[in-house]
Amino acid sequence: MSHDLYKKRMEALLSYYHKNKRLPTYEELTRVFGVKSKSAAFQYIEKFIEDDIVRKSDEGFLIATPRLYGARVLGEVRAGLPHDAEEEGLLDCISLNDLLIHEPTHTFLLKVSGDSMRDAGIMSGDMVIVNRKKQAKIGAVVVAEIDHEWTLKYLMQKGKKMFLRAANKKYPDLFPKHELRVGGVVTGVVRQYI
């Protein structure tokens, strides 16, 4: 099997996966790969299994791995002084879900509005990844309900009293008049530039 044909079949499989949110059955693979027999499709799948592109479930269904749908990690780039760029080759493939969301059943996303957390690098329009089961420690960025209103701030403590602090000096500290309840801890920030 040629490298070009292998790559073409993998791209066809990825395209199907993105469109249908699942991998094709063996019968559907003949159409996806543009081959006439299931045995020809099976040969590609066996190679993809060997290369950890897909795997089989206990029931025999095909399951995509991050090597199929994940983003490729090509190396590192300096954010300081520039240096000679060298092709470092493929280091790994990762799924952003696997990288950023460790407990999917306890995790949700919120879109940020406002600039109260800008000095923490959280800008209006960003998405924050929030874990509702993670223990909130002092200094953590949290989504909290203070006196029946929700906000995104640092969780702080003065004596025995908990309060919220913005990452922007133009906002005052927020001390609860009645109640302060943490709804989740921010574990990541996603920003789209384009």
Protein backbone atom coordinates (compact mmCIF):
# COMPACT_ATOMS: atom_id res chain seq x y z
CA MET A 1 0.00 0.00 0.00
CA SER A 2 1.50 3.33 -1.07
CA HIS A 3 1.92 6.20 1.38
CA ASP A 4 -0.24 8.48 -0.80
CA LEU A 5 -3.09 5.96 -0.92
CA TYR A 6 -2.81 5.34 2.83
CA LYS A 7 -3.01 9.08 3.49
CA LYS A 8 -5.96 9.49 1.09
CA ARG A 9 -7.90 6.68 2.83
CA MET A 10 -7.14 8.15 6.25
CA GLU A 11 -8.39 11.59 5.11
CA ALA A 12 -11.58 9.97 3.76
CA LEU A 13 -12.09 8.20 7.10
CA LEU A 14 -11.53 11.44 9.02
CA SER A 15 -13.95 13.31 6.75
CA TYR A 16 -16.62 10.66 7.36
CA TYR A 17 -15.96 10.81 11.12
CA HIS A 18 -16.35 14.60 11.27
CA LYS A 19 -19.52 14.54 9.17
CA ASN A 20 -21.26 11.62 10.93
CA LYS A 21 -19.72 11.75 14.44
CA ARG A 22 -18.93 8.04 14.15
CA LEU A 23 -16.79 5.71 12.07
CA PRO A 24 -18.36 3.79 9.18
CA THR A 25 -19.34 0.13 9.29
CA TYR A 26 -17.29 -2.28 7.19
CA GLU A 27 -19.98 -2.17 4.52
CA GLU A 28 -19.90 1.63 4.45
CA LEU A 29 -16.11 1.57 4.24
CA THR A 30 -16.22 0.31 0.65
CA ARG A 31 -17.95 3.56 -0.37
CA VAL A 32 -15.81 5.75 1.89
CA PHE A 33 -12.56 4.28 0.53
CA GLY A 34 -13.83 3.86 -3.04
CA VAL A 35 -12.99 0.14 -3.13
CA LYS A 36 -15.09 -2.73 -4.48
CA SER A 37 -14.79 -5.28 -1.70
CA LYS A 38 -15.00 -5.42 2.08
CA SER A 39 -11.70 -7.32 2.12
CA ALA A 40 -9.91 -4.36 0.48
CA ALA A 41 -11.43 -2.01 3.07
CA PHE A 42 -10.50 -4.48 5.81
CA GLN A 43 -6.81 -4.33 4.77
CA TYR A 44 -6.74 -0.57 5.31
CA ILE A 45 -8.50 -0.89 8.64
CA GLU A 46 -6.02 -3.53 9.82
CA LYS A 47 -3.17 -1.14 8.97
CA PHE A 48 -4.98 1.72 10.75
CA ILE A 49 -5.44 -0.49 13.82
CA GLU A 50 -1.72 -1.41 13.72
CA ASP A 51 -0.84 2.32 13.51
CA ASP A 52 -3.29 3.20 16.36
CA ILE A 53 -5.45 5.35 14.07
CA VAL A 54 -8.54 3.33 15.03
CA ARG A 55 -9.29 0.48 17.38
CA LYS A 56 -12.07 -2.04 17.81
CA SER A 57 -14.55 -2.02 20.67
CA ASP A 58 -15.39 -5.25 22.51
CA GLU A 59 -18.47 -5.47 20.26
CA GLY A 60 -16.32 -5.17 17.11
CA PHE A 61 -17.22 -1.57 16.22
CA LEU A 62 -14.51 0.79 15.02
CA ILE A 63 -13.51 3.59 17.38
CA ALA A 64 -11.43 6.61 16.40
CA THR A 65 -8.31 7.41 18.41
CA PRO A 66 -6.72 10.86 18.83
CA ARG A 67 -4.24 9.88 16.09
CA LEU A 68 -7.16 10.11 13.65
CA TYR A 69 -9.09 13.15 14.90
CA GLY A 70 -6.62 14.88 17.21
CA ALA A 71 -4.38 17.84 16.54
CA ARG A 72 -0.77 17.00 15.71
CA VAL A 73 1.92 18.16 18.11
CA LEU A 74 4.87 19.09 15.89
CA GLY A 75 7.27 20.44 18.49
CA GLU A 76 7.83 23.59 20.50
CA VAL A 77 7.99 27.25 19.60
CA ARG A 78 9.72 29.89 21.69
CA ALA A 79 7.70 32.84 22.86
CA GLY A 80 10.87 34.76 23.78
CA LEU A 81 13.68 35.59 21.38
CA PRO A 82 13.41 33.99 17.93
CA HIS A 83 15.68 31.09 17.02
CA ASP A 84 16.36 29.01 13.94
CA ALA A 85 13.29 27.01 13.08
CA GLU A 86 13.94 23.33 12.62
CA GLU A 87 11.47 20.69 11.56
CA GLU A 88 11.17 18.54 14.66
CA GLY A 89 8.76 16.04 13.16
CA LEU A 90 5.57 14.68 14.60
CA LEU A 91 5.79 14.24 18.36
CA ASP A 92 2.25 13.08 19.04
CA CYS A 93 -1.42 13.54 18.26
CA ILE A 94 -3.73 14.80 20.94
CA SER A 95 -7.40 15.47 21.30
CA LEU A 96 -8.12 18.84 22.85
CA ASN A 97 -10.90 17.16 24.85
CA ASP A 98 -8.38 14.67 26.26
CA LEU A 99 -5.95 17.50 27.02
CA LEU A 100 -8.40 19.93 28.62
CA ILE A 101 -11.33 17.89 29.93
CA HIS A 102 -10.37 15.23 32.47
CA GLU A 103 -13.81 14.60 33.96
CA PRO A 104 -16.35 15.04 31.14
CA THR A 105 -19.39 14.31 33.32
CA HIS A 106 -18.40 17.10 35.73
CA THR A 107 -17.21 19.62 33.13
CA PHE A 108 -19.00 22.38 31.24
CA LEU A 109 -18.07 25.41 29.14
CA LEU A 110 -19.10 29.02 29.61
CA LYS A 111 -18.59 31.95 27.27
CA VAL A 112 -17.01 34.92 29.03
CA SER A 113 -18.42 38.42 28.73
CA GLY A 114 -16.80 41.47 30.29
CA ASP A 115 -13.23 42.40 31.19
CA SER A 116 -13.01 41.79 34.94
CA MET A 117 -10.58 38.85 34.47
CA ARG A 118 -8.41 40.32 31.70
CA ASP A 119 -5.23 40.50 33.85
CA ALA A 120 -5.57 36.75 34.39
CA GLY A 121 -5.56 36.33 30.60
CA ILE A 122 -9.29 35.64 30.39
CA MET A 123 -10.87 37.95 27.81
CA SER A 124 -14.41 38.68 26.72
CA GLY A 125 -15.39 36.08 24.11
CA ASP A 126 -13.15 33.34 25.56
CA MET A 127 -14.63 30.01 26.64
CA VAL A 128 -13.74 28.81 30.13
CA ILE A 129 -13.66 25.13 30.99
CA VAL A 130 -15.27 24.62 34.40
CA ASN A 131 -15.13 21.53 36.62
CA ARG A 132 -18.03 21.50 39.08
CA LYS A 133 -16.53 18.74 41.29
CA LYS A 134 -12.99 20.10 41.69
CA GLN A 135 -12.22 21.44 45.16
CA ALA A 136 -12.02 25.24 45.05
CA LYS A 137 -8.82 26.47 46.69
CA ILE A 138 -8.06 30.03 47.71
CA GLY A 139 -6.68 31.89 44.70
CA ALA A 140 -8.44 29.67 42.14
CA VAL A 141 -10.50 31.18 39.34
CA VAL A 142 -14.06 30.11 39.99
CA VAL A 143 -17.58 30.51 38.70
CA ALA A 144 -19.48 31.59 41.79
CA GLU A 145 -22.92 32.74 42.85
CA ILE A 146 -22.76 35.74 45.13
CA ASP A 147 -26.06 37.00 46.52
CA HIS A 148 -27.99 35.27 43.69
CA GLU A 149 -25.81 36.56 40.83
CA TRP A 150 -23.23 34.51 38.94
CA THR A 151 -19.74 35.77 38.12
CA LEU A 152 -16.22 34.66 37.22
CA LYS A 153 -13.56 35.77 39.74
CA TYR A 154 -10.70 34.68 41.99
CA LEU A 155 -11.84 33.02 45.22
CA MET A 156 -10.18 34.84 48.12
CA GLN A 157 -10.29 34.76 51.92
CA LYS A 158 -9.86 37.44 54.57
CA GLY A 159 -9.85 35.97 58.07
CA LYS A 160 -12.68 33.46 57.93
CA LYS A 161 -14.66 35.38 55.33
CA MET A 162 -14.62 34.29 51.67
CA PHE A 163 -14.90 36.89 48.92
CA LEU A 164 -14.34 37.31 45.19
CA ARG A 165 -11.66 39.38 43.47
CA ALA A 166 -11.44 40.52 39.86
CA ALA A 167 -8.25 40.41 37.79
CA ASN A 168 -8.74 44.03 36.81
CA LYS A 169 -8.07 46.88 39.25
CA LYS A 170 -11.12 48.88 38.12
CA TYR A 171 -13.41 46.31 39.81
CA PRO A 172 -13.87 46.20 43.61
CA ASP A 173 -13.67 43.06 45.73
CA LEU A 174 -17.07 41.39 46.18
CA PHE A 175 -18.05 40.41 49.72
CA PRO A 176 -21.31 38.50 50.07
CA LYS A 177 -24.13 40.15 51.98
CA HIS A 178 -25.95 36.84 52.29
CA GLU A 179 -24.35 33.95 50.43
CA LEU A 180 -21.32 32.95 48.36
CA ARG A 181 -21.45 29.59 46.59
CA VAL A 182 -18.83 28.18 44.23
CA GLY A 183 -20.37 26.50 41.17
CA GLY A 184 -17.10 25.25 39.69
CA VAL A 185 -13.38 25.79 39.27
CA VAL A 186 -11.95 27.06 35.97
CA THR A 187 -9.46 24.50 34.65
CA GLY A 188 -8.78 25.98 31.23
CA VAL A 189 -9.43 28.80 28.79
CA VAL A 190 -10.07 28.48 25.06
CA ARG A 191 -9.58 31.44 22.74
CA GLN A 192 -10.27 31.47 19.04
CA TYR A 193 -8.35 34.04 16.99
CA ILE A 194 -9.99 33.60 13.61
